[in-house]
Amino acid sequence: MTIGGISGSYQSYALSGSVAPVRQKEEGVARTQDTQNSQGADEAHKVKGGYKSSPADCQTCKERKYQDGSNESDVSFKAPGHIDPKASASTVMAHEKQHVSNAYQKAAQEQGKVVSCNVSLHTAICPECGTAYVSGGTTSTAISYSDEENPYMKNKKAQDGILLRGANIDYAA
């Protein structure tokens, strides 16, 4: 049995560029009853301890691009494209499912069978704002092709049979 594989990888990279200045939160500003709805917006502009900027103001997250590194031409992100960190998990998983679909199509066209299929998502934390995001993914598939039409495999099986004949003998004591 011959096993061939298709693998695709999907990795992100951050473009180098200038980092936006950190916004300082004003102290001593009193909130009124009318601004309670904007508390969620304040949380987005809150700088986490040990980081340079808030998730809403993070220049690194705004400039992060994703690009497919496989040789499959019919999948998304062949050209670098931006994905919002909040949507990165679903977008990367959808992309990796395109690789899985291609493996099943290839197996069907060549009278093969998909033996295994693995999708892994990779996570990272932004060094500027501390936001966790999916930084890429990897798809690994193995396809088994029919041995009946391959004369070389028939000869190999015959030779293996000769070598292994008698290898497991139980001796009576």
N, C-alpha and C. Protein backbone atom coordinates (compact mmCIF):
# COMPACT_ATOMS: atom_id res chain seq x y z
N MET A 1 0.85 -1.16 0.00
CA MET A 1 0.00 0.00 0.00
C MET A 1 0.90 1.23 0.00
N THR A 2 0.63 2.15 -0.87
CA THR A 2 1.41 3.38 -0.91
C THR A 2 0.62 4.47 -0.21
N ILE A 3 1.30 5.26 0.50
CA ILE A 3 0.65 6.36 1.20
C ILE A 3 1.27 7.64 0.70
N GLY A 4 0.42 8.51 0.20
CA GLY A 4 0.87 9.83 -0.22
C GLY A 4 0.23 10.85 0.68
N GLY A 5 0.77 12.00 0.77
CA GLY A 5 0.19 12.98 1.69
C GLY A 5 0.07 14.34 1.05
N ILE A 6 -0.86 15.07 1.56
CA ILE A 6 -1.05 16.46 1.19
C ILE A 6 -0.96 17.23 2.48
N SER A 7 -0.21 18.26 2.50
CA SER A 7 -0.20 19.07 3.71
C SER A 7 -0.21 20.52 3.32
N GLY A 8 -0.89 21.29 4.09
CA GLY A 8 -0.93 22.72 3.86
C GLY A 8 -0.67 23.43 5.16
N SER A 9 -0.06 24.55 5.09
CA SER A 9 0.13 25.30 6.31
C SER A 9 -0.35 26.72 6.08
N TYR A 10 -0.74 27.31 7.13
CA TYR A 10 -1.36 28.62 7.07
C TYR A 10 -0.78 29.41 8.21
N GLN A 11 0.04 30.37 7.91
CA GLN A 11 0.74 31.08 8.97
C GLN A 11 0.52 32.57 8.84
N SER A 12 0.59 33.22 9.98
CA SER A 12 0.43 34.67 9.96
C SER A 12 1.78 35.32 10.19
N TYR A 13 1.87 36.55 9.76
CA TYR A 13 3.05 37.31 10.08
C TYR A 13 2.64 38.75 10.28
N ALA A 14 3.35 39.43 11.12
CA ALA A 14 3.03 40.83 11.38
C ALA A 14 3.96 41.70 10.57
N LEU A 15 3.41 42.71 9.94
CA LEU A 15 4.23 43.63 9.18
C LEU A 15 4.94 44.56 10.13
N SER A 16 6.17 44.89 9.81
CA SER A 16 6.88 45.83 10.66
C SER A 16 6.41 47.23 10.32
N GLY A 17 6.35 48.04 11.29
CA GLY A 17 5.90 49.40 11.07
C GLY A 17 5.99 50.18 12.37
N SER A 18 5.57 51.39 12.31
CA SER A 18 5.64 52.20 13.53
C SER A 18 4.50 51.83 14.46
N VAL A 19 4.77 51.89 15.72
CA VAL A 19 3.77 51.59 16.73
C VAL A 19 3.11 52.89 17.14
N ALA A 20 1.81 52.86 17.22
CA ALA A 20 1.08 54.07 17.60
C ALA A 20 1.39 54.43 19.04
N PRO A 21 1.42 55.70 19.36
CA PRO A 21 1.69 56.10 20.74
C PRO A 21 0.59 55.58 21.67
N VAL A 22 0.99 55.29 22.89
CA VAL A 22 0.06 54.75 23.87
C VAL A 22 -0.83 55.88 24.38
N ARG A 23 -2.12 55.62 24.39
CA ARG A 23 -3.05 56.61 24.92
C ARG A 23 -3.11 56.45 26.44
N GLN A 24 -3.01 57.55 27.13
CA GLN A 24 -3.10 57.53 28.58
C GLN A 24 -4.55 57.78 28.98
N LYS A 25 -5.04 56.99 29.91
CA LYS A 25 -6.40 57.15 30.39
C LYS A 25 -6.43 58.31 31.37
N GLU A 26 -7.38 59.19 31.19
CA GLU A 26 -7.48 60.34 32.07
C GLU A 26 -8.01 59.91 33.42
N GLU A 27 -7.38 60.41 34.47
CA GLU A 27 -7.80 60.12 35.83
C GLU A 27 -8.75 61.21 36.32
N GLY A 28 -9.63 60.86 37.21
CA GLY A 28 -10.49 61.83 37.86
C GLY A 28 -11.70 62.24 37.05
N VAL A 29 -12.04 61.54 35.97
CA VAL A 29 -13.22 61.88 35.18
C VAL A 29 -14.40 61.13 35.77
N ALA A 30 -15.42 61.88 36.13
CA ALA A 30 -16.61 61.28 36.75
C ALA A 30 -17.54 60.76 35.66
N ARG A 31 -18.13 59.60 35.91
CA ARG A 31 -19.09 59.03 34.98
C ARG A 31 -20.49 59.39 35.42
N THR A 32 -21.33 59.59 34.44
CA THR A 32 -22.73 59.87 34.74
C THR A 32 -23.55 58.64 34.38
N GLN A 33 -24.81 58.68 34.68
CA GLN A 33 -25.72 57.56 34.39
C GLN A 33 -25.81 57.30 32.90
N ASP A 34 -25.65 58.33 32.06
CA ASP A 34 -25.82 58.19 30.62
C ASP A 34 -24.68 57.41 29.96
N THR A 35 -23.53 57.31 30.58
CA THR A 35 -22.38 56.67 29.94
C THR A 35 -22.22 55.21 30.34
N GLN A 36 -23.21 54.61 30.98
CA GLN A 36 -23.10 53.22 31.37
C GLN A 36 -23.02 52.30 30.15
N ASN A 37 -23.65 52.65 29.05
CA ASN A 37 -23.60 51.84 27.84
C ASN A 37 -22.22 51.86 27.20
N SER A 38 -21.43 52.86 27.48
CA SER A 38 -20.10 52.94 26.88
C SER A 38 -19.05 52.23 27.71
N GLN A 39 -19.43 51.54 28.78
CA GLN A 39 -18.45 50.83 29.60
C GLN A 39 -17.77 49.73 28.81
N GLY A 40 -18.49 49.06 27.92
CA GLY A 40 -17.88 48.03 27.07
C GLY A 40 -16.80 48.62 26.17
N ALA A 41 -17.05 49.83 25.68
CA ALA A 41 -16.06 50.52 24.85
C ALA A 41 -14.85 50.90 25.68
N ASP A 42 -15.06 51.28 26.95
CA ASP A 42 -13.93 51.59 27.82
C ASP A 42 -13.06 50.37 28.06
N GLU A 43 -13.69 49.19 28.17
CA GLU A 43 -12.92 47.96 28.37
C GLU A 43 -12.03 47.66 27.17
N ALA A 44 -12.49 47.99 25.97
CA ALA A 44 -11.69 47.75 24.76
C ALA A 44 -10.50 48.69 24.71
N HIS A 45 -10.61 49.86 25.34
CA HIS A 45 -9.51 50.83 25.33
C HIS A 45 -8.65 50.73 26.59
N LYS A 46 -8.87 49.72 27.41
CA LYS A 46 -8.11 49.55 28.64
C LYS A 46 -6.81 48.81 28.34
N VAL A 47 -5.70 49.36 28.81
CA VAL A 47 -4.39 48.75 28.58
C VAL A 47 -4.15 47.71 29.67
N LYS A 48 -3.84 46.47 29.26
CA LYS A 48 -3.54 45.41 30.21
C LYS A 48 -2.17 45.66 30.81
N GLY A 49 -1.97 45.20 32.01
CA GLY A 49 -0.70 45.39 32.69
C GLY A 49 0.45 44.75 31.94
N GLY A 50 1.54 45.48 31.75
CA GLY A 50 2.72 44.95 31.09
C GLY A 50 2.71 45.08 29.57
N TYR A 51 1.66 45.65 29.00
CA TYR A 51 1.58 45.79 27.55
C TYR A 51 1.58 47.26 27.16
N LYS A 52 1.89 47.53 25.91
CA LYS A 52 2.06 48.90 25.42
C LYS A 52 0.76 49.59 25.08
N SER A 53 -0.23 48.84 24.58
CA SER A 53 -1.46 49.48 24.12
C SER A 53 -2.67 48.62 24.43
N SER A 54 -3.82 49.19 24.21
CA SER A 54 -5.07 48.45 24.41
C SER A 54 -5.38 47.66 23.14
N PRO A 55 -6.23 46.63 23.24
CA PRO A 55 -6.59 45.86 22.05
C PRO A 55 -7.22 46.71 20.94
N ALA A 56 -7.96 47.74 21.31
CA ALA A 56 -8.61 48.58 20.29
C ALA A 56 -7.61 49.46 19.56
N ASP A 57 -6.50 49.81 20.22
CA ASP A 57 -5.52 50.71 19.63
C ASP A 57 -4.27 49.99 19.13
N CYS A 58 -4.26 48.67 19.14
CA CYS A 58 -3.05 47.90 18.83
C CYS A 58 -2.73 47.97 17.34
N GLN A 59 -1.60 48.53 17.01
CA GLN A 59 -1.16 48.66 15.62
C GLN A 59 -0.72 47.30 15.06
N THR A 60 -0.12 46.47 15.91
CA THR A 60 0.34 45.14 15.46
C THR A 60 -0.85 44.29 15.01
N CYS A 61 -1.93 44.29 15.79
CA CYS A 61 -3.12 43.52 15.42
C CYS A 61 -3.78 44.06 14.16
N LYS A 62 -3.72 45.38 13.98
CA LYS A 62 -4.33 45.98 12.79
C LYS A 62 -3.53 45.66 11.52
N GLU A 63 -2.22 45.45 11.66
CA GLU A 63 -1.36 45.21 10.49
C GLU A 63 -1.01 43.75 10.29
N ARG A 64 -1.49 42.84 11.14
CA ARG A 64 -1.18 41.42 11.01
C ARG A 64 -1.82 40.86 9.76
N LYS A 65 -1.03 40.16 8.94
CA LYS A 65 -1.51 39.58 7.69
C LYS A 65 -1.35 38.06 7.75
N TYR A 66 -2.23 37.37 7.08
CA TYR A 66 -2.20 35.91 6.98
C TYR A 66 -1.99 35.54 5.52
N GLN A 67 -1.20 34.47 5.29
CA GLN A 67 -0.97 34.01 3.94
C GLN A 67 -0.80 32.49 3.95
N ASP A 68 -1.39 31.83 2.96
CA ASP A 68 -1.30 30.37 2.84
C ASP A 68 0.07 30.00 2.30
N GLY A 69 0.69 28.98 2.89
CA GLY A 69 2.01 28.55 2.45
C GLY A 69 2.00 27.25 1.67
N SER A 70 0.82 26.75 1.29
CA SER A 70 0.76 25.48 0.57
C SER A 70 0.89 25.70 -0.94
N ASN A 71 0.95 24.58 -1.67
CA ASN A 71 1.03 24.65 -3.13
C ASN A 71 -0.34 24.48 -3.79
N GLU A 72 -1.41 24.52 -3.01
CA GLU A 72 -2.75 24.41 -3.56
C GLU A 72 -3.22 25.79 -4.01
N SER A 73 -3.60 25.89 -5.26
CA SER A 73 -3.93 27.21 -5.82
C SER A 73 -5.38 27.62 -5.57
N ASP A 74 -6.24 26.70 -5.17
CA ASP A 74 -7.66 27.03 -5.06
C ASP A 74 -8.12 27.24 -3.61
N VAL A 75 -7.22 27.64 -2.73
CA VAL A 75 -7.60 27.94 -1.35
C VAL A 75 -7.48 29.44 -1.10
N SER A 76 -8.09 29.90 -0.03
CA SER A 76 -8.06 31.32 0.29
C SER A 76 -6.69 31.74 0.83
N PHE A 77 -6.48 33.04 0.89
CA PHE A 77 -5.28 33.67 1.45
C PHE A 77 -4.00 33.29 0.72
N LYS A 78 -4.07 33.17 -0.60
CA LYS A 78 -2.84 33.01 -1.38
C LYS A 78 -2.07 34.33 -1.39
N ALA A 79 -2.79 35.44 -1.35
CA ALA A 79 -2.19 36.75 -1.19
C ALA A 79 -2.40 37.16 0.27
N PRO A 80 -1.47 37.88 0.88
CA PRO A 80 -1.63 38.25 2.28
C PRO A 80 -2.91 39.04 2.52
N GLY A 81 -3.60 38.69 3.60
CA GLY A 81 -4.84 39.37 3.94
C GLY A 81 -4.98 39.51 5.45
N HIS A 82 -5.68 40.54 5.88
CA HIS A 82 -5.88 40.81 7.30
C HIS A 82 -7.09 40.04 7.81
N ILE A 83 -6.98 39.53 9.04
CA ILE A 83 -8.10 38.89 9.73
C ILE A 83 -8.18 39.54 11.11
N ASP A 84 -9.35 39.94 11.51
CA ASP A 84 -9.55 40.49 12.85
C ASP A 84 -9.23 39.42 13.89
N PRO A 85 -8.52 39.75 14.97
CA PRO A 85 -8.18 38.73 15.97
C PRO A 85 -9.39 38.00 16.54
N LYS A 86 -10.54 38.67 16.65
CA LYS A 86 -11.74 38.03 17.18
C LYS A 86 -12.30 36.99 16.22
N ALA A 87 -12.06 37.15 14.93
CA ALA A 87 -12.58 36.23 13.92
C ALA A 87 -11.51 35.27 13.41
N SER A 88 -10.32 35.31 13.98
CA SER A 88 -9.22 34.51 13.43
C SER A 88 -9.47 33.00 13.56
N ALA A 89 -10.07 32.55 14.65
CA ALA A 89 -10.29 31.11 14.82
C ALA A 89 -11.21 30.54 13.75
N SER A 90 -12.35 31.19 13.54
CA SER A 90 -13.31 30.67 12.56
C SER A 90 -12.79 30.82 11.13
N THR A 91 -12.08 31.90 10.85
CA THR A 91 -11.56 32.12 9.49
C THR A 91 -10.47 31.13 9.15
N VAL A 92 -9.55 30.90 10.09
CA VAL A 92 -8.46 29.94 9.85
C VAL A 92 -9.01 28.53 9.74
N MET A 93 -9.99 28.17 10.58
CA MET A 93 -10.57 26.84 10.50
C MET A 93 -11.28 26.63 9.17
N ALA A 94 -11.99 27.64 8.69
CA ALA A 94 -12.65 27.54 7.38
C ALA A 94 -11.61 27.33 6.28
N HIS A 95 -10.48 28.02 6.38
CA HIS A 95 -9.42 27.86 5.39
C HIS A 95 -8.86 26.44 5.44
N GLU A 96 -8.61 25.93 6.63
CA GLU A 96 -8.06 24.58 6.75
C GLU A 96 -9.05 23.53 6.24
N LYS A 97 -10.33 23.78 6.37
CA LYS A 97 -11.35 22.86 5.84
C LYS A 97 -11.29 22.83 4.31
N GLN A 98 -10.84 23.92 3.69
CA GLN A 98 -10.64 23.91 2.23
C GLN A 98 -9.55 22.90 1.86
N HIS A 99 -8.49 22.83 2.67
CA HIS A 99 -7.43 21.85 2.41
C HIS A 99 -7.97 20.42 2.57
N VAL A 100 -8.79 20.19 3.58
CA VAL A 100 -9.39 18.86 3.80
C VAL A 100 -10.27 18.49 2.61
N SER A 101 -11.08 19.41 2.15
CA SER A 101 -11.95 19.17 1.01
C SER A 101 -11.13 18.82 -0.23
N ASN A 102 -10.02 19.52 -0.43
CA ASN A 102 -9.15 19.24 -1.58
C ASN A 102 -8.56 17.83 -1.49
N ALA A 103 -8.23 17.38 -0.29
CA ALA A 103 -7.68 16.04 -0.13
C ALA A 103 -8.70 14.98 -0.51
N TYR A 104 -9.95 15.17 -0.10
CA TYR A 104 -10.99 14.21 -0.46
C TYR A 104 -11.26 14.22 -1.97
N GLN A 105 -11.21 15.40 -2.58
CA GLN A 105 -11.41 15.48 -4.03
C GLN A 105 -10.27 14.78 -4.77
N LYS A 106 -9.04 14.98 -4.32
CA LYS A 106 -7.89 14.35 -4.96
C LYS A 106 -7.97 12.82 -4.83
N ALA A 107 -8.36 12.36 -3.65
CA ALA A 107 -8.49 10.92 -3.43
C ALA A 107 -9.57 10.32 -4.33
N ALA A 108 -10.66 11.02 -4.50
CA ALA A 108 -11.75 10.51 -5.34
C ALA A 108 -11.34 10.48 -6.81
N GLN A 109 -10.58 11.47 -7.26
CA GLN A 109 -10.16 11.52 -8.66
C GLN A 109 -9.16 10.42 -9.00
N GLU A 110 -8.33 10.04 -8.05
CA GLU A 110 -7.26 9.07 -8.32
C GLU A 110 -7.55 7.70 -7.70
N GLN A 111 -8.82 7.39 -7.45
CA GLN A 111 -9.24 6.12 -6.87
C GLN A 111 -8.48 5.81 -5.57
N GLY A 112 -8.35 6.81 -4.75
CA GLY A 112 -7.69 6.64 -3.46
C GLY A 112 -8.69 6.77 -2.33
N LYS A 113 -8.17 6.65 -1.12
CA LYS A 113 -9.01 6.73 0.06
C LYS A 113 -8.26 7.57 1.10
N VAL A 114 -8.94 8.54 1.71
CA VAL A 114 -8.31 9.33 2.76
C VAL A 114 -8.22 8.47 4.01
N VAL A 115 -6.99 8.20 4.45
CA VAL A 115 -6.75 7.35 5.61
C VAL A 115 -6.83 8.17 6.89
N SER A 116 -6.21 9.33 6.89
CA SER A 116 -6.26 10.18 8.07
C SER A 116 -6.24 11.64 7.66
N CYS A 117 -6.76 12.46 8.56
CA CYS A 117 -6.83 13.89 8.30
C CYS A 117 -6.72 14.60 9.64
N ASN A 118 -5.77 15.51 9.77
CA ASN A 118 -5.54 16.25 11.01
C ASN A 118 -5.53 17.74 10.74
N VAL A 119 -6.25 18.49 11.52
CA VAL A 119 -6.22 19.95 11.44
C VAL A 119 -5.79 20.47 12.80
N SER A 120 -4.77 21.30 12.81
CA SER A 120 -4.28 21.91 14.04
C SER A 120 -4.33 23.42 13.90
N LEU A 121 -4.84 24.09 14.91
CA LEU A 121 -4.83 25.54 14.94
C LEU A 121 -3.75 25.96 15.94
N HIS A 122 -3.00 27.00 15.59
CA HIS A 122 -1.92 27.49 16.43
C HIS A 122 -2.33 28.85 17.00
N THR A 123 -2.09 29.04 18.29
CA THR A 123 -2.46 30.29 18.93
C THR A 123 -1.22 31.06 19.35
N ALA A 124 -1.42 32.35 19.56
CA ALA A 124 -0.34 33.23 20.02
C ALA A 124 -0.96 34.38 20.79
N ILE A 125 -0.10 35.12 21.45
CA ILE A 125 -0.53 36.32 22.19
C ILE A 125 0.21 37.50 21.62
N CYS A 126 -0.51 38.55 21.30
CA CYS A 126 0.08 39.75 20.72
C CYS A 126 1.03 40.38 21.74
N PRO A 127 2.28 40.66 21.34
CA PRO A 127 3.23 41.25 22.28
C PRO A 127 2.93 42.70 22.63
N GLU A 128 2.13 43.37 21.82
CA GLU A 128 1.84 44.78 22.06
C GLU A 128 0.65 44.98 22.99
N CYS A 129 -0.44 44.20 22.77
CA CYS A 129 -1.67 44.44 23.54
C CYS A 129 -2.10 43.26 24.41
N GLY A 130 -1.51 42.08 24.22
CA GLY A 130 -1.85 40.92 25.05
C GLY A 130 -3.08 40.17 24.60
N THR A 131 -3.57 40.41 23.41
CA THR A 131 -4.75 39.72 22.89
C THR A 131 -4.37 38.33 22.37
N ALA A 132 -5.11 37.32 22.78
CA ALA A 132 -4.90 35.97 22.26
C ALA A 132 -5.60 35.85 20.92
N TYR A 133 -4.93 35.22 19.95
CA TYR A 133 -5.50 35.06 18.62
C TYR A 133 -4.98 33.78 18.00
N VAL A 134 -5.65 33.29 16.96
CA VAL A 134 -5.18 32.12 16.22
C VAL A 134 -4.19 32.62 15.19
N SER A 135 -2.95 32.15 15.31
CA SER A 135 -1.88 32.66 14.46
C SER A 135 -1.70 31.85 13.18
N GLY A 136 -2.34 30.71 13.08
CA GLY A 136 -2.21 29.92 11.86
C GLY A 136 -2.77 28.53 12.07
N GLY A 137 -2.60 27.69 11.07
CA GLY A 137 -3.11 26.33 11.14
C GLY A 137 -2.34 25.41 10.22
N THR A 138 -2.43 24.13 10.50
CA THR A 138 -1.77 23.12 9.69
C THR A 138 -2.74 21.98 9.42
N THR A 139 -2.81 21.55 8.19
CA THR A 139 -3.62 20.40 7.82
C THR A 139 -2.71 19.31 7.28
N SER A 140 -2.83 18.12 7.83
CA SER A 140 -2.06 16.98 7.35
C SER A 140 -3.03 15.86 6.98
N THR A 141 -2.90 15.35 5.78
CA THR A 141 -3.76 14.25 5.33
C THR A 141 -2.90 13.15 4.74
N ALA A 142 -3.38 11.94 4.85
CA ALA A 142 -2.73 10.79 4.24
C ALA A 142 -3.74 10.09 3.35
N ILE A 143 -3.35 9.79 2.11
CA ILE A 143 -4.24 9.16 1.14
C ILE A 143 -3.64 7.81 0.75
N SER A 144 -4.45 6.78 0.77
CA SER A 144 -4.02 5.45 0.37
C SER A 144 -4.54 5.19 -1.04
N TYR A 145 -3.65 4.72 -1.90
CA TYR A 145 -4.03 4.42 -3.28
C TYR A 145 -4.06 2.91 -3.48
N SER A 146 -4.86 2.45 -4.41
CA SER A 146 -5.03 1.03 -4.68
C SER A 146 -3.73 0.40 -5.15
N ASP A 147 -3.40 -0.77 -4.57
CA ASP A 147 -2.16 -1.48 -4.92
C ASP A 147 -2.35 -2.47 -6.06
N GLU A 148 -3.58 -2.79 -6.41
CA GLU A 148 -3.85 -3.84 -7.38
C GLU A 148 -3.32 -3.51 -8.76
N GLU A 149 -3.24 -2.25 -9.11
CA GLU A 149 -2.79 -1.86 -10.44
C GLU A 149 -1.29 -1.65 -10.51
N ASN A 150 -0.59 -1.65 -9.38
CA ASN A 150 0.83 -1.36 -9.35
C ASN A 150 1.63 -2.67 -9.33
N PRO A 151 2.32 -3.04 -10.43
CA PRO A 151 3.05 -4.31 -10.46
C PRO A 151 4.23 -4.32 -9.48
N TYR A 152 4.80 -3.18 -9.20
CA TYR A 152 5.93 -3.13 -8.27
C TYR A 152 5.50 -3.51 -6.86
N MET A 153 4.33 -3.08 -6.47
CA MET A 153 3.82 -3.43 -5.14
C MET A 153 3.49 -4.92 -5.06
N LYS A 154 3.01 -5.49 -6.15
CA LYS A 154 2.73 -6.93 -6.15
C LYS A 154 4.01 -7.72 -5.92
N ASN A 155 5.09 -7.32 -6.62
CA ASN A 155 6.38 -8.01 -6.44
C ASN A 155 6.91 -7.81 -5.01
N LYS A 156 6.77 -6.62 -4.46
CA LYS A 156 7.25 -6.36 -3.11
C LYS A 156 6.49 -7.21 -2.10
N LYS A 157 5.18 -7.35 -2.27
CA LYS A 157 4.39 -8.17 -1.36
C LYS A 157 4.81 -9.64 -1.46
N ALA A 158 5.09 -10.09 -2.67
CA ALA A 158 5.52 -11.49 -2.84
C ALA A 158 6.86 -11.71 -2.15
N GLN A 159 7.80 -10.78 -2.30
CA GLN A 159 9.10 -10.92 -1.64
C GLN A 159 8.97 -10.86 -0.12
N ASP A 160 8.12 -9.97 0.37
CA ASP A 160 7.90 -9.89 1.82
C ASP A 160 7.30 -11.19 2.34
N GLY A 161 6.41 -11.79 1.56
CA GLY A 161 5.80 -13.05 1.97
C GLY A 161 6.83 -14.17 2.08
N ILE A 162 7.77 -14.21 1.15
CA ILE A 162 8.83 -15.22 1.19
C ILE A 162 9.73 -15.01 2.41
N LEU A 163 10.08 -13.75 2.68
CA LEU A 163 10.95 -13.45 3.82
C LEU A 163 10.29 -13.74 5.16
N LEU A 164 9.01 -13.47 5.27
CA LEU A 164 8.33 -13.61 6.56
C LEU A 164 7.76 -15.00 6.80
N ARG A 165 7.74 -15.86 5.77
CA ARG A 165 7.20 -17.20 5.93
C ARG A 165 8.07 -17.97 6.93
N GLY A 166 7.45 -18.46 7.97
CA GLY A 166 8.17 -19.22 8.98
C GLY A 166 8.82 -18.34 10.06
N ALA A 167 8.59 -17.07 10.03
CA ALA A 167 9.22 -16.19 11.03
C ALA A 167 8.59 -16.35 12.40
N ASN A 168 7.35 -16.73 12.47
CA ASN A 168 6.66 -16.90 13.76
C ASN A 168 6.30 -18.37 13.94
N ILE A 169 7.19 -19.11 14.54
CA ILE A 169 6.95 -20.55 14.76
C ILE A 169 6.90 -20.79 16.25
N ASP A 170 5.88 -21.49 16.70
CA ASP A 170 5.79 -21.88 18.10
C ASP A 170 6.43 -23.25 18.24
N TYR A 171 7.41 -23.36 19.11
CA TYR A 171 8.09 -24.63 19.35
C TYR A 171 7.45 -25.28 20.58
N ALA A 172 7.17 -26.55 20.44
CA ALA A 172 6.61 -27.30 21.57
C ALA A 172 7.74 -27.66 22.51
N ALA A 173 7.51 -27.49 23.78
CA ALA A 173 8.56 -27.76 24.75
C ALA A 173 8.60 -29.18 25.18
